Every structure is written in C-alpha cells, then in structure tokens.
C-alpha cells in the first residue's frame, strides 16, 4: 500500500482523478480509497502495472550564514527504495531566498532524474509552502523564485507540497549547511 500523509481534499481529488480517469488499465476494485480521518492518512492500493507513476519523496532546506549571507541548499530524495542526497552552494542569499532556491534545485533534479513522476515535496519553511500553495507572495524579491517553481513544477503530473517541522527535516538541513561550507 502507498501512504500519503496529510493530504487536503483537493489533493485527494487529484489522486482520484489520476487513478480513475487517467489509468485506463485499472480495475474498479483498484480505485477504492480509504481515508482515515483520525490519522490524516490516505491509503491507496498500489497498482503494479508497467508504466505506473511512482511517488518521489523530496525534502528540501535552504540555509544562510548571515541574513543575507553565504547560502546553501540541501535536497534529500527517497525514490524506489533508494536515497539521493544533494548539496548546492548558492552564494549570497537571504534565508528565505535560499529556501525557495532549494525547492527550485529539487525540481530541476527531479525533472532530470524522475521525469513525469508524482512529487511529494516537504519543506520546513512555512513561507515557501504557503507561497506555493497560494501561488502568491507579497515580497517582490520572491516572485521570480515562485514563478520559477511554478514553471519547474509544471513538468510533473502531480506536485504536492507539505510543511514539516525542522526536526523532521534534518537530512536536508545537514545537506544545506554542507552547501554553505562548499564555498
């Protein structure tokens, strides 16, 4: 079984659409969904047909030494039972700009290595998650970054983003700090 944590109802509709309308080889029994409201999980029967899309779990973090200061981005990916880790030096960015840049780097990596897959992205930046979910930011300096994220995300059939606490994003944080030291 495949579990997706804390999906909002709109995302659930997208998954149902994907399973029911886009997968012509899926039987009606495979369309069954189970929503456990107590734990906020959606359980989806794993469809083992050739050509099925995989869920790629992506964790991102941006870090700055000073604000603004030398910055780095960390991307931690779980896909197909394997772990992929990336650190990027970013140069002079504010901490928030580094968080946006980390998402952009993650989407670029996924476009190259996991084209057309379903992405579940996790970030500990409420600002970035809210901006992506609302497709809006008041800050003029973040708008080009948000536009770049939207452009890169359009390459995937489904792109989900979720805010997570910093303590659950330790791998990406470590990789982001490594990116700072690479400069």
Protein backbone atom coordinates (compact mmCIF):
# COMPACT_ATOMS: atom_id res chain seq x y z
CA UNK A 1 0.00 0.00 0.00
CA UNK A 2 1.07 3.56 -0.66
CA UNK A 3 0.50 6.16 2.06
CA UNK A 4 0.37 9.92 1.58
CA UNK A 5 0.38 11.98 4.75
CA UNK A 6 -1.91 14.96 5.45
CA UNK A 7 -3.48 15.43 2.04
CA UNK A 8 -6.04 18.15 1.74
CA UNK A 9 -9.33 17.30 -0.05
CA UNK A 10 -8.23 19.00 -3.28
CA UNK A 11 -5.12 16.81 -3.48
CA UNK A 12 -7.27 13.75 -2.82
CA UNK A 13 -9.47 14.73 -5.77
CA UNK A 14 -6.36 14.96 -7.96
CA UNK A 15 -5.22 11.48 -6.92
CA UNK A 16 -8.66 10.01 -7.55
CA UNK A 17 -8.68 11.69 -10.97
CA UNK A 18 -5.26 10.24 -11.72
CA UNK A 19 -6.19 6.72 -10.65
CA UNK A 20 -9.69 6.59 -12.10
CA UNK A 21 -9.62 8.68 -15.25
CA UNK A 22 -6.03 8.54 -16.44
CA UNK A 23 -5.22 4.87 -15.75
CA UNK A 24 -7.33 3.00 -18.27
CA UNK A 25 -5.88 -0.38 -17.25
CA UNK A 26 -7.01 -0.02 -13.62
CA UNK A 27 -9.93 -2.17 -12.49
CA UNK A 28 -12.78 -0.66 -10.43
CA UNK A 29 -11.57 -2.51 -7.32
CA UNK A 30 -8.20 -0.77 -7.59
CA UNK A 31 -9.96 2.59 -7.39
CA UNK A 32 -11.01 2.09 -3.79
CA UNK A 33 -9.62 4.67 -1.40
CA UNK A 34 -9.64 4.63 2.34
CA UNK A 35 -9.45 7.89 4.27
CA UNK A 36 -8.54 7.56 7.93
CA UNK A 37 -9.52 10.93 9.43
CA UNK A 38 -8.05 10.14 12.83
CA UNK A 39 -4.52 9.89 11.43
CA UNK A 40 -4.89 12.08 8.34
CA UNK A 41 -3.66 9.36 6.01
CA UNK A 42 -4.94 8.34 2.64
CA UNK A 43 -4.39 4.72 1.76
CA UNK A 44 -4.20 3.95 -1.95
CA UNK A 45 -3.93 0.39 -3.27
CA UNK A 46 -0.59 0.07 -5.03
CA UNK A 47 -1.16 -0.59 -8.71
CA UNK A 48 1.54 -2.81 -10.11
CA UNK A 49 1.05 -2.19 -13.81
CA UNK A 50 4.00 -1.45 -16.02
CA UNK A 51 4.35 2.27 -16.60
CA UNK A 52 2.71 3.31 -13.31
CA UNK A 53 3.96 6.53 -11.81
CA UNK A 54 5.98 6.36 -8.61
CA UNK A 55 5.73 8.72 -5.67
CA UNK A 56 9.02 10.54 -5.18
CA UNK A 57 9.51 11.95 -1.66
CA UNK A 58 11.61 15.11 -1.69
CA UNK A 59 12.88 17.04 1.35
CA UNK A 60 14.41 20.50 0.83
CA UNK A 61 16.10 23.06 3.02
CA UNK A 62 17.92 26.33 2.50
CA UNK A 63 20.41 27.78 4.95
CA UNK A 64 22.31 31.05 5.23
CA UNK A 65 25.29 32.10 7.28
CA UNK A 66 24.02 35.60 7.96
CA UNK A 67 20.86 37.11 6.55
CA UNK A 68 21.77 37.71 3.79
CA UNK A 69 24.93 35.67 3.74
CA UNK A 70 26.64 32.75 2.12
CA UNK A 71 23.91 30.21 1.49
CA UNK A 72 23.41 26.59 0.60
CA UNK A 73 20.60 24.31 -0.49
CA UNK A 74 20.03 20.72 0.53
CA UNK A 75 17.89 18.19 -1.31
CA UNK A 76 17.15 14.73 0.10
CA UNK A 77 15.17 12.36 -2.14
CA UNK A 78 13.63 8.95 -1.39
CA UNK A 79 12.67 7.11 -4.58
CA UNK A 80 12.33 3.45 -5.42
CA UNK A 81 13.88 2.35 -2.13
CA UNK A 82 16.98 4.47 -2.75
CA UNK A 83 18.24 7.67 -1.15
CA UNK A 84 19.69 10.58 -3.15
CA UNK A 85 21.48 13.48 -1.44
CA UNK A 86 22.49 16.81 -2.98
CA UNK A 87 24.22 19.90 -1.59
CA UNK A 88 24.49 23.16 -3.53
CA UNK A 89 26.40 26.34 -2.77
CA UNK A 90 24.14 29.29 -3.61
CA UNK A 91 26.23 32.40 -2.98
CA UNK A 92 24.72 35.43 -1.22
CA UNK A 93 21.04 34.88 -0.39
CA UNK A 94 18.69 35.64 2.46
CA UNK A 95 17.49 32.60 4.36
CA UNK A 96 14.05 32.77 2.69
CA UNK A 97 15.59 33.08 -0.79
CA UNK A 98 17.74 30.02 -0.01
CA UNK A 99 14.58 28.09 0.92
CA UNK A 100 12.97 28.99 -2.43
CA UNK A 101 16.21 28.12 -4.26
CA UNK A 102 16.30 24.70 -2.58
CA UNK A 103 12.85 23.88 -3.96
CA UNK A 104 13.94 25.02 -7.43
CA UNK A 105 17.06 22.81 -7.25
CA UNK A 106 14.93 19.85 -6.14
CA UNK A 107 12.52 20.31 -9.04
CA UNK A 108 15.41 20.57 -11.51
CA UNK A 109 16.92 17.33 -10.16
CA UNK A 110 13.58 15.54 -10.31
CA UNK A 111 12.92 16.78 -13.84
CA UNK A 112 16.22 15.26 -14.93
CA UNK A 113 16.18 12.00 -12.95
CA UNK A 114 12.47 11.33 -12.32
CA UNK A 115 10.61 12.91 -15.24
CA UNK A 116 6.84 12.67 -15.16
CA UNK A 117 6.67 11.10 -11.70
CA UNK A 118 4.45 12.23 -8.82
CA UNK A 119 6.33 14.52 -6.41
CA UNK A 120 5.65 14.91 -2.71
CA UNK A 121 7.86 17.77 -1.56
CA UNK A 122 8.49 18.58 2.11
CA UNK A 123 9.88 21.86 3.43
CA UNK A 124 10.28 23.35 6.91
CA UNK A 125 9.70 26.86 5.51
CA UNK A 126 6.11 27.96 6.11
CA UNK A 127 6.73 30.99 3.91
CA UNK A 128 7.72 28.87 0.91
CA UNK A 129 4.96 26.28 1.41
CA UNK A 130 2.29 28.98 1.80
CA UNK A 131 3.55 30.89 -1.25
CA UNK A 132 3.47 27.75 -3.41
CA UNK A 133 0.06 26.63 -2.13
CA UNK A 134 -1.47 30.09 -2.65
CA UNK A 135 0.59 30.84 -5.76
CA UNK A 136 1.20 34.28 -4.29
CA UNK A 137 3.78 36.24 -2.32
CA UNK A 138 3.72 39.90 -1.37
CA UNK A 139 7.51 40.15 -1.38
CA UNK A 140 8.69 41.35 -4.80
CA UNK A 141 12.07 39.59 -4.47
CA UNK A 142 10.35 36.20 -4.04
CA UNK A 143 8.04 36.50 -7.06
CA UNK A 144 10.63 35.44 -9.70
CA UNK A 145 11.54 32.47 -7.49
CA UNK A 146 7.89 31.46 -7.16
CA UNK A 147 7.43 31.79 -10.94
CA UNK A 148 10.45 29.52 -11.47
CA UNK A 149 8.99 26.95 -9.05
CA UNK A 150 5.67 27.01 -10.92
CA UNK A 151 7.46 26.56 -14.24
CA UNK A 152 9.51 23.61 -12.98
CA UNK A 153 6.54 22.01 -11.18
CA UNK A 154 4.51 22.07 -14.41
CA UNK A 155 6.70 19.21 -15.72
CA UNK A 156 5.09 16.76 -13.28
CA UNK A 157 1.57 15.29 -13.41
CA UNK A 158 1.15 15.87 -9.67
CA UNK A 159 3.17 18.03 -7.31
CA UNK A 160 2.26 18.08 -3.62
CA UNK A 161 3.97 20.25 -1.03
CA UNK A 162 3.74 19.90 2.72
CA UNK A 163 5.18 21.86 5.61
CA UNK A 164 7.09 19.78 8.15
CA UNK A 165 8.80 20.79 11.42
CA UNK A 166 12.55 21.37 11.35
CA UNK A 167 13.17 18.26 13.45
CA UNK A 168 11.72 16.12 10.63
CA UNK A 169 13.94 17.78 8.02
CA UNK A 170 17.35 17.00 9.49
CA UNK A 171 18.81 15.33 6.40
CA UNK A 172 18.04 18.29 4.12
CA UNK A 173 19.27 20.75 6.77
CA UNK A 174 22.59 18.92 7.03
CA UNK A 175 22.95 18.97 3.23
CA UNK A 176 22.12 22.71 3.08
CA UNK A 177 24.78 23.51 5.68
CA UNK A 178 27.23 21.38 3.70
CA UNK A 179 26.39 23.58 0.69
CA UNK A 180 27.45 26.67 2.66
CA UNK A 181 30.80 25.05 3.54
CA UNK A 182 31.44 24.18 -0.14
CA UNK A 183 32.01 27.87 -0.95
